[in-house]
PDB file of N, CA and C in Angstrom:
ATOM      1  N   MET A   1     -78.134 -76.522-119.158  1.00  0.00           N
ATOM      2  CA  MET A   1     -79.195 -75.568-118.910  1.00  0.00           C
ATOM      3  C   MET A   1     -80.525 -76.280-118.667  1.00  0.00           C
ATOM      4  N   ARG A   2     -80.764 -77.349-119.438  1.00  0.00           N
ATOM      5  CA  ARG A   2     -82.007 -78.106-119.278  1.00  0.00           C
ATOM      6  C   ARG A   2     -82.093 -78.718-117.880  1.00  0.00           C
ATOM      7  N   THR A   3     -80.969 -79.191-117.367  1.00  0.00           N
ATOM      8  CA  THR A   3     -80.937 -79.774-116.024  1.00  0.00           C
ATOM      9  C   THR A   3     -81.340 -78.739-114.983  1.00  0.00           C
ATOM     10  N   LEU A   4     -80.813 -77.549-115.098  1.00  0.00           N
ATOM     11  CA  LEU A   4     -81.148 -76.476-114.167  1.00  0.00           C
ATOM     12  C   LEU A   4     -82.636 -76.121-114.245  1.00  0.00           C
ATOM     13  N   ILE A   5     -83.181 -76.107-115.436  1.00  0.00           N
ATOM     14  CA  ILE A   5     -84.609 -75.814-115.609  1.00  0.00           C
ATOM     15  C   ILE A   5     -85.456 -76.878-114.923  1.00  0.00           C
ATOM     16  N   PHE A   6     -85.062 -78.141-115.063  1.00  0.00           N
ATOM     17  CA  PHE A   6     -85.813 -79.212-114.401  1.00  0.00           C
ATOM     18  C   PHE A   6     -85.706 -79.112-112.884  1.00  0.00           C
ATOM     19  N   ILE A   7     -84.532 -78.803-112.369  1.00  0.00           N
ATOM     20  CA  ILE A   7     -84.367 -78.687-110.918  1.00  0.00           C
ATOM     21  C   ILE A   7     -85.205 -77.539-110.379  1.00  0.00           C
ATOM     22  N   VAL A   8     -85.168 -76.405-111.041  1.00  0.00           N
ATOM     23  CA  VAL A   8     -85.993 -75.262-110.623  1.00  0.00           C
ATOM     24  C   VAL A   8     -87.477 -75.619-110.720  1.00  0.00           C
ATOM     25  N   GLY A   9     -87.851 -76.334-111.772  1.00  0.00           N
ATOM     26  CA  GLY A   9     -89.228 -76.790-111.914  1.00  0.00           C
ATOM     27  C   GLY A   9     -89.640 -77.703-110.773  1.00  0.00           C
ATOM     28  N   GLY A  10     -88.709 -78.522-110.303  1.00  0.00           N
ATOM     29  CA  GLY A  10     -88.986 -79.384-109.159  1.00  0.00           C
ATOM     30  C   GLY A  10     -89.266 -78.593-107.899  1.00  0.00           C
ATOM     31  N   PHE A  11     -88.479 -77.560-107.681  1.00  0.00           N
ATOM     32  CA  PHE A  11     -88.705 -76.719-106.499  1.00  0.00           C
ATOM     33  C   PHE A  11     -90.018 -75.933-106.613  1.00  0.00           C
ATOM     34  N   VAL A  12     -90.376 -75.532-107.815  1.00  0.00           N
ATOM     35  CA  VAL A  12     -91.659 -74.839-108.016  1.00  0.00           C
ATOM     36  C   VAL A  12     -92.817 -75.804-107.747  1.00  0.00           C
ATOM     37  N   LEU A  13     -92.709 -77.039-108.237  1.00  0.00           N
ATOM     38  CA  LEU A  13     -93.739 -78.036-107.968  1.00  0.00           C
ATOM     39  C   LEU A  13     -93.821 -78.361-106.481  1.00  0.00           C
ATOM     40  N   LEU A  14     -92.684 -78.414-105.821  1.00  0.00           N
ATOM     41  CA  LEU A  14     -92.655 -78.645-104.373  1.00  0.00           C
ATOM     42  C   LEU A  14     -93.389 -77.526-103.637  1.00  0.00           C
ATOM     43  N   ALA A  15     -93.114 -76.294-103.999  1.00  0.00           N
ATOM     44  CA  ALA A  15     -93.801 -75.160-103.367  1.00  0.00           C
ATOM     45  C   ALA A  15     -95.300 -75.217-103.636  1.00  0.00           C
ATOM     46  N   ALA A  16     -95.684 -75.611-104.836  1.00  0.00           N
ATOM     47  CA  ALA A  16     -97.106 -75.722-105.157  1.00  0.00           C
ATOM     48  C   ALA A  16     -97.774 -76.822-104.332  1.00  0.00           C
ATOM     49  N   CYS A  17     -97.100 -77.947-104.166  1.00  0.00           N
ATOM     50  CA  CYS A  17     -97.662 -79.045-103.369  1.00  0.00           C
ATOM     51  C   CYS A  17     -97.811 -78.646-101.902  1.00  0.00           C
ATOM     52  N   PHE A  18     -96.785 -78.030-101.335  1.00  0.00           N
ATOM     53  CA  PHE A  18     -96.875 -77.595 -99.943  1.00  0.00           C
ATOM     54  C   PHE A  18     -97.899 -76.481 -99.779  1.00  0.00           C
ATOM     55  N   GLY A  19     -97.961 -75.584-100.730  1.00  0.00           N
ATOM     56  CA  GLY A  19     -98.959 -74.519-100.674  1.00  0.00           C
ATOM     57  C   GLY A  19    -100.369 -75.063-100.754  1.00  0.00           C
ATOM     58  N   ALA A  20    -100.600 -76.006-101.638  1.00  0.00           N
ATOM     59  CA  ALA A  20    -101.918 -76.617-101.750  1.00  0.00           C
ATOM     60  C   ALA A  20    -102.270 -77.386-100.481  1.00  0.00           C
ATOM     61  N   ALA A  21    -101.290 -78.045 -99.883  1.00  0.00           N
ATOM     62  CA  ALA A  21    -101.545 -78.790 -98.642  1.00  0.00           C
ATOM     63  C   ALA A  21    -101.956 -77.847 -97.522  1.00  0.00           C
ATOM     64  N   LYS A  22    -101.260 -76.731 -97.406  1.00  0.00           N
ATOM     65  CA  LYS A  22    -101.600 -75.762 -96.358  1.00  0.00           C
ATOM     66  C   LYS A  22    -102.951 -75.096 -96.625  1.00  0.00           C
ATOM     67  N   LEU A  23    -103.215 -74.800 -97.879  1.00  0.00           N
ATOM     68  CA  LEU A  23    -104.444 -74.114 -98.247  1.00  0.00           C
ATOM     69  C   LEU A  23    -105.669 -75.019 -98.106  1.00  0.00           C
ATOM     70  N   LEU A  24    -105.532 -76.274 -98.481  1.00  0.00           N
ATOM     71  CA  LEU A  24    -106.667 -77.183 -98.527  1.00  0.00           C
ATOM     72  C   LEU A  24    -106.772 -78.097 -97.316  1.00  0.00           C
ATOM     73  N   SER A  25    -105.888 -77.934 -96.355  1.00  0.00           N
ATOM     74  CA  SER A  25    -105.840 -78.892 -95.252  1.00  0.00           C
ATOM     75  C   SER A  25    -107.061 -78.825 -94.352  1.00  0.00           C
ATOM     76  N   ASN A  26    -107.527 -77.642 -94.023  1.00  0.00           N
ATOM     77  CA  ASN A  26    -108.683 -77.471 -93.133  1.00  0.00           C
ATOM     78  C   ASN A  26    -108.571 -78.311 -91.869  1.00  0.00           C
ATOM     79  N   GLY A  27    -107.427 -78.242 -91.235  1.00  0.00           N
ATOM     80  CA  GLY A  27    -107.247 -78.940 -89.979  1.00  0.00           C
ATOM     81  C   GLY A  27    -106.793 -80.379 -90.091  1.00  0.00           C
ATOM     82  N   LEU A  28    -106.542 -80.864 -91.290  1.00  0.00           N
ATOM     83  CA  LEU A  28    -106.054 -82.236 -91.443  1.00  0.00           C
ATOM     84  C   LEU A  28    -104.582 -82.289 -91.059  1.00  0.00           C
ATOM     85  N   ALA A  29    -104.260 -83.109 -90.106  1.00  0.00           N
ATOM     86  CA  ALA A  29    -102.895 -83.162 -89.583  1.00  0.00           C
ATOM     87  C   ALA A  29    -101.913 -83.766 -90.585  1.00  0.00           C
ATOM     88  N   ASP A  30    -102.385 -84.653 -91.421  1.00  0.00           N
ATOM     89  CA  ASP A  30    -101.482 -85.352 -92.337  1.00  0.00           C
ATOM     90  C   ASP A  30    -101.417 -84.720 -93.728  1.00  0.00           C
ATOM     91  N   ALA A  31    -101.911 -83.516 -93.896  1.00  0.00           N
ATOM     92  CA  ALA A  31    -101.958 -82.908 -95.223  1.00  0.00           C
ATOM     93  C   ALA A  31    -100.559 -82.679 -95.791  1.00  0.00           C
ATOM     94  N   VAL A  32     -99.641 -82.186 -94.971  1.00  0.00           N
ATOM     95  CA  VAL A  32     -98.286 -81.917 -95.458  1.00  0.00           C
ATOM     96  C   VAL A  32     -97.554 -83.233 -95.730  1.00  0.00           C
ATOM     97  N   ARG A  33     -97.791 -84.241 -94.894  1.00  0.00           N
ATOM     98  CA  ARG A  33     -97.165 -85.548 -95.127  1.00  0.00           C
ATOM     99  C   ARG A  33     -97.665 -86.147 -96.436  1.00  0.00           C
ATOM    100  N   THR A  34     -98.956 -86.054 -96.676  1.00  0.00           N
ATOM    101  CA  THR A  34     -99.530 -86.559 -97.917  1.00  0.00           C
ATOM    102  C   THR A  34     -99.001 -85.784 -99.117  1.00  0.00           C
ATOM    103  N   ALA A  35     -98.873 -84.480 -98.974  1.00  0.00           N
ATOM    104  CA  ALA A  35     -98.328 -83.661-100.056  1.00  0.00           C
ATOM    105  C   ALA A  35     -96.878 -84.021-100.344  1.00  0.00           C
ATOM    106  N   THR A  36     -96.112 -84.308 -99.308  1.00  0.00           N
ATOM    107  CA  THR A  36     -94.717 -84.701 -99.497  1.00  0.00           C
ATOM    108  C   THR A  36     -94.624 -86.020-100.245  1.00  0.00           C
ATOM    109  N   ILE A  37     -95.419 -86.985 -99.847  1.00  0.00           N
ATOM    110  CA  ILE A  37     -95.410 -88.281-100.527  1.00  0.00           C
ATOM    111  C   ILE A  37     -95.863 -88.141-101.972  1.00  0.00           C
ATOM    112  N   ALA A  38     -96.910 -87.371-102.185  1.00  0.00           N
ATOM    113  CA  ALA A  38     -97.408 -87.155-103.547  1.00  0.00           C
ATOM    114  C   ALA A  38     -96.367 -86.447-104.406  1.00  0.00           C
ATOM    115  N   PHE A  39     -95.699 -85.441-103.831  1.00  0.00           N
ATOM    116  CA  PHE A  39     -94.671 -84.735-104.590  1.00  0.00           C
ATOM    117  C   PHE A  39     -93.538 -85.662-104.983  1.00  0.00           C
ATOM    118  N   VAL A  40     -93.029 -86.446-104.036  1.00  0.00           N
ATOM    119  CA  VAL A  40     -91.890 -87.325-104.329  1.00  0.00           C
ATOM    120  C   VAL A  40     -92.273 -88.344-105.400  1.00  0.00           C
ATOM    121  N   ALA A  41     -93.466 -88.904-105.312  1.00  0.00           N
ATOM    122  CA  ALA A  41     -93.896 -89.874-106.319  1.00  0.00           C
ATOM    123  C   ALA A  41     -94.051 -89.218-107.694  1.00  0.00           C
ATOM    124  N   LEU A  42     -94.701 -88.071-107.727  1.00  0.00           N
ATOM    125  CA  LEU A  42     -94.890 -87.358-108.991  1.00  0.00           C
ATOM    126  C   LEU A  42     -93.559 -86.908-109.572  1.00  0.00           C
ATOM    127  N   TRP A  43     -92.681 -86.403-108.734  1.00  0.00           N
ATOM    128  CA  TRP A  43     -91.403 -85.917-109.212  1.00  0.00           C
ATOM    129  C   TRP A  43     -90.524 -87.064-109.724  1.00  0.00           C
ATOM    130  N   PHE A  44     -90.628 -88.243-109.088  1.00  0.00           N
ATOM    131  CA  PHE A  44     -89.898 -89.410-109.576  1.00  0.00           C
ATOM    132  C   PHE A  44     -90.342 -89.760-110.994  1.00  0.00           C
ATOM    133  N   VAL A  45     -91.645 -89.742-111.234  1.00  0.00           N
ATOM    134  CA  VAL A  45     -92.159 -90.058-112.571  1.00  0.00           C
ATOM    135  C   VAL A  45     -91.686 -89.025-113.584  1.00  0.00           C
ATOM    136  N   ILE A  46     -91.736 -87.759-113.239  1.00  0.00           N
ATOM    137  CA  ILE A  46     -91.299 -86.702-114.152  1.00  0.00           C
ATOM    138  C   ILE A  46     -89.812 -86.837-114.456  1.00  0.00           C
ATOM    139  N   ALA A  47     -88.999 -87.078-113.432  1.00  0.00           N
ATOM    140  CA  ALA A  47     -87.556 -87.236-113.644  1.00  0.00           C
ATOM    141  C   ALA A  47     -87.252 -88.492-114.450  1.00  0.00           C
ATOM    142  N   ALA A  48     -88.008 -89.562-114.228  1.00  0.00           N
ATOM    143  CA  ALA A  48     -87.794 -90.800-114.985  1.00  0.00           C
ATOM    144  C   ALA A  48     -88.164 -90.613-116.459  1.00  0.00           C
ATOM    145  N   VAL A  49     -89.236 -89.886-116.718  1.00  0.00           N
ATOM    146  CA  VAL A  49     -89.612 -89.600-118.110  1.00  0.00           C
ATOM    147  C   VAL A  49     -88.536 -88.744-118.767  1.00  0.00           C
ATOM    148  N   ASN A  50     -87.995 -87.784-118.040  1.00  0.00           N
ATOM    149  CA  ASN A  50     -86.898 -86.980-118.579  1.00  0.00           C
ATOM    150  C   ASN A  50     -85.689 -87.860-118.908  1.00  0.00           C
ATOM    151  N   MET A  51     -85.381 -88.817-118.043  1.00  0.00           N
ATOM    152  CA  MET A  51     -84.275 -89.731-118.310  1.00  0.00           C
ATOM    153  C   MET A  51     -84.574 -90.589-119.538  1.00  0.00           C
ATOM    154  N   TRP A  52     -85.808 -91.068-119.655  1.00  0.00           N
ATOM    155  CA  TRP A  52     -86.185 -91.879-120.800  1.00  0.00           C
ATOM    156  C   TRP A  52     -86.034 -91.082-122.097  1.00  0.00           C
ATOM    157  N   VAL A  53     -86.436 -89.816-122.075  1.00  0.00           N
ATOM    158  CA  VAL A  53     -86.289 -88.967-123.259  1.00  0.00           C
ATOM    159  C   VAL A  53     -84.813 -88.819-123.615  1.00  0.00           C
ATOM    160  N   GLY A  54     -83.971 -88.652-122.608  1.00  0.00           N
ATOM    161  CA  GLY A  54     -82.539 -88.531-122.869  1.00  0.00           C
ATOM    162  C   GLY A  54     -81.944 -89.789-123.470  1.00  0.00           C
ATOM    163  N   VAL A  55     -82.434 -90.943-123.045  1.00  0.00           N
ATOM    164  CA  VAL A  55     -81.907 -92.209-123.561  1.00  0.00           C
ATOM    165  C   VAL A  55     -82.525 -92.545-124.915  1.00  0.00           C
ATOM    166  N   ALA A  56     -83.847 -92.474-125.011  1.00  0.00           N
ATOM    167  CA  ALA A  56     -84.538 -92.923-126.214  1.00  0.00           C
ATOM    168  C   ALA A  56     -84.483 -91.916-127.361  1.00  0.00           C
ATOM    169  N   LYS A  57     -84.599 -90.665-127.048  1.00  0.00           N
ATOM    170  CA  LYS A  57     -84.701 -89.655-128.109  1.00  0.00           C
ATOM    171  C   LYS A  57     -83.381 -88.928-128.370  1.00  0.00           C
ATOM    172  N   ALA A  58     -82.656 -88.596-127.316  1.00  0.00           N
ATOM    173  CA  ALA A  58     -81.432 -87.806-127.495  1.00  0.00           C
ATOM    174  C   ALA A  58     -80.211 -88.674-127.749  1.00  0.00           C
ATOM    175  N   GLY A  59     -80.309 -89.967-127.487  1.00  0.00           N
ATOM    176  CA  GLY A  59     -79.218 -90.866-127.811  1.00  0.00           C
ATOM    177  C   GLY A  59     -78.164 -91.051-126.733  1.00  0.00           C
ATOM    178  N   TYR A  60     -78.423 -90.587-125.526  1.00  0.00           N
ATOM    179  CA  TYR A  60     -77.478 -90.806-124.435  1.00  0.00           C
ATOM    180  C   TYR A  60     -77.638 -92.213-123.893  1.00  0.00           C
ATOM    181  N   SER A  61     -76.602 -92.718-123.274  1.00  0.00           N
ATOM    182  CA  SER A  61     -76.700 -94.032-122.646  1.00  0.00           C
ATOM    183  C   SER A  61     -77.282 -93.876-121.244  1.00  0.00           C
ATOM    184  N   VAL A  62     -77.729 -94.995-120.688  1.00  0.00           N
ATOM    185  CA  VAL A  62     -78.265 -94.972-119.331  1.00  0.00           C
ATOM    186  C   VAL A  62     -77.182 -94.535-118.353  1.00  0.00           C
ATOM    187  N   ALA A  63     -75.957 -94.978-118.580  1.00  0.00           N
ATOM    188  CA  ALA A  63     -74.850 -94.593-117.700  1.00  0.00           C
ATOM    189  C   ALA A  63     -74.589 -93.090-117.742  1.00  0.00           C
ATOM    190  N   GLU A  64     -74.815 -92.470-118.874  1.00  0.00           N
ATOM    191  CA  GLU A  64     -74.640 -91.022-118.976  1.00  0.00           C
ATOM    192  C   GLU A  64     -75.805 -90.264-118.341  1.00  0.00           C
ATOM    193  N   GLU A  65     -76.997 -90.812-118.447  1.00  0.00           N
ATOM    194  CA  GLU A  65     -78.189 -90.131-117.944  1.00  0.00           C
ATOM    195  C   GLU A  65     -78.438 -90.352-116.457  1.00  0.00           C
ATOM    196  N   LEU A  66     -77.944 -91.450-115.897  1.00  0.00           N
ATOM    197  CA  LEU A  66     -78.243 -91.768-114.502  1.00  0.00           C
ATOM    198  C   LEU A  66     -77.773 -90.697-113.517  1.00  0.00           C
ATOM    199  N   PRO A  67     -76.554 -90.162-113.630  1.00  0.00           N
ATOM    200  CA  PRO A  67     -76.176 -89.088-112.692  1.00  0.00           C
ATOM    201  C   PRO A  67     -77.058 -87.837-112.814  1.00  0.00           C
ATOM    202  N   ILE A  68     -77.484 -87.527-114.022  1.00  0.00           N
ATOM    203  CA  ILE A  68     -78.360 -86.378-114.230  1.00  0.00           C
ATOM    204  C   ILE A  68     -79.725 -86.656-113.610  1.00  0.00           C
ATOM    205  N   PHE A  69     -80.234 -87.885-113.784  1.00  0.00           N
ATOM    206  CA  PHE A  69     -81.498 -88.271-113.158  1.00  0.00           C
ATOM    207  C   PHE A  69     -81.413 -88.138-111.642  1.00  0.00           C
ATOM    208  N   LEU A  70     -80.330 -88.632-111.059  1.00  0.00           N
ATOM    209  CA  LEU A  70     -80.175 -88.562-109.607  1.00  0.00           C
ATOM    210  C   LEU A  70     -80.127 -87.115-109.118  1.00  0.00           C
ATOM    211  N   LEU A  71     -79.490 -86.249-109.884  1.00  0.00           N
ATOM    212  CA  LEU A  71     -79.424 -84.836-109.526  1.00  0.00           C
ATOM    213  C   LEU A  71     -80.800 -84.185-109.647  1.00  0.00           C
ATOM    214  N   ILE A  72     -81.469 -84.421-110.772  1.00  0.00           N
ATOM    215  CA  ILE A  72     -82.777 -83.815-111.015  1.00  0.00           C
ATOM    216  C   ILE A  72     -83.802 -84.311-110.003  1.00  0.00           C
ATOM    217  N   PHE A  73     -83.795 -85.603-109.721  1.00  0.00           N
ATOM    218  CA  PHE A  73     -84.756 -86.144-108.762  1.00  0.00           C
ATOM    219  C   PHE A  73     -84.330 -85.863-107.322  1.00  0.00           C
ATOM    220  N   GLY A  74     -83.056 -86.014-107.047  1.00  0.00           N
ATOM    221  CA  GLY A  74     -82.575 -85.994-105.671  1.00  0.00           C
ATOM    222  C   GLY A  74     -82.670 -84.655-104.974  1.00  0.00           C
ATOM    223  N   LEU A  75     -82.283 -83.588-105.625  1.00  0.00           N
ATOM    224  CA  LEU A  75     -82.281 -82.284-104.958  1.00  0.00           C
ATOM    225  C   LEU A  75     -83.671 -81.867-104.468  1.00  0.00           C
ATOM    226  N   PRO A  76     -84.686 -81.838-105.327  1.00  0.00           N
ATOM    227  CA  PRO A  76     -86.011 -81.464-104.823  1.00  0.00           C
ATOM    228  C   PRO A  76     -86.604 -82.491-103.861  1.00  0.00           C
ATOM    229  N   ALA A  77     -86.346 -83.778-104.078  1.00  0.00           N
ATOM    230  CA  ALA A  77     -86.906 -84.808-103.193  1.00  0.00           C
ATOM    231  C   ALA A  77     -86.296 -84.718-101.801  1.00  0.00           C
ATOM    232  N   VAL A  78     -84.991 -84.539-101.719  1.00  0.00           N
ATOM    233  CA  VAL A  78     -84.343 -84.389-100.415  1.00  0.00           C
ATOM    234  C   VAL A  78     -84.819 -83.105 -99.737  1.00  0.00           C
ATOM    235  N   ALA A  79     -84.969 -82.042-100.506  1.00  0.00           N
ATOM    236  CA  ALA A  79     -85.477 -80.798 -99.936  1.00  0.00           C
ATOM    237  C   ALA A  79     -86.888 -80.983 -99.391  1.00  0.00           C
ATOM    238  N   ALA A  80     -87.722 -81.739-100.094  1.00  0.00           N
ATOM    239  CA  ALA A  80     -89.090 -81.979 -99.625  1.00  0.00           C
ATOM    240  C   ALA A  80     -89.097 -82.738 -98.307  1.00  0.00           C
ATOM    241  N   VAL A  81     -88.289 -83.773 -98.221  1.00  0.00           N
ATOM    242  CA  VAL A  81     -88.246 -84.575 -96.996  1.00  0.00           C
ATOM    243  C   VAL A  81     -87.677 -83.753 -95.838  1.00  0.00           C
ATOM    244  N   LEU A  82     -86.629 -82.994 -96.102  1.00  0.00           N
ATOM    245  CA  LEU A  82     -86.050 -82.163 -95.039  1.00  0.00           C
ATOM    246  C   LEU A  82     -87.012 -81.075 -94.574  1.00  0.00           C
ATOM    247  N   LEU A  83     -87.715 -80.456 -95.504  1.00  0.00           N
ATOM    248  CA  LEU A  83     -88.697 -79.443 -95.126  1.00  0.00           C
ATOM    249  C   LEU A  83     -89.814 -80.052 -94.293  1.00  0.00           C
ATOM    250  N   LYS A  84     -90.294 -81.197 -94.694  1.00  0.00           N
ATOM    251  CA  LYS A  84     -91.351 -81.867 -93.924  1.00  0.00           C
ATOM    252  C   LYS A  84     -90.853 -82.219 -92.537  1.00  0.00           C
ATOM    253  N   TRP A  85     -89.627 -82.671 -92.456  1.00  0.00           N
ATOM    254  CA  TRP A  85     -89.064 -83.139 -91.194  1.00  0.00           C
ATOM    255  C   TRP A  85     -88.747 -81.994 -90.246  1.00  0.00           C
ATOM    256  N   LYS A  86     -88.153 -80.929 -90.767  1.00  0.00           N
ATOM    257  CA  LYS A  86     -87.678 -79.831 -89.916  1.00  0.00           C
ATOM    258  C   LYS A  86     -88.680 -78.689 -89.734  1.00  0.00           C
ATOM    259  N   VAL A  87     -89.465 -78.382 -90.748  1.00  0.00           N
ATOM    260  CA  VAL A  87     -90.307 -77.195 -90.711  1.00  0.00           C
ATOM    261  C   VAL A  87     -91.744 -77.529 -90.349  1.00  0.00           C
ATOM    262  N   PHE A  88     -92.316 -78.498 -91.009  1.00  0.00           N
ATOM    263  CA  PHE A  88     -93.750 -78.747 -90.842  1.00  0.00           C
ATOM    264  C   PHE A  88     -93.962 -79.778 -89.789  1.00  0.00           C
TER     265      PHE A  88
END
């Protein structure tokens, strides 16, 4: 359940980043590209901290947490890149 909450949170953060880019762009051509890069970097840090919590606090091994990290980070990050590439 926690994994699903993080993935949904990633998509919400992605929507917020793209929304802020569109709202604050004022004609800047690279606003969506900058928002995509910022989102991926921020989301990587958030997913890495989640992995660290799973290893350090919850007692899981890195091998157990790595697939979850890839899922949590990968789905929203790939969606961000695809949206930037195909839509914007």
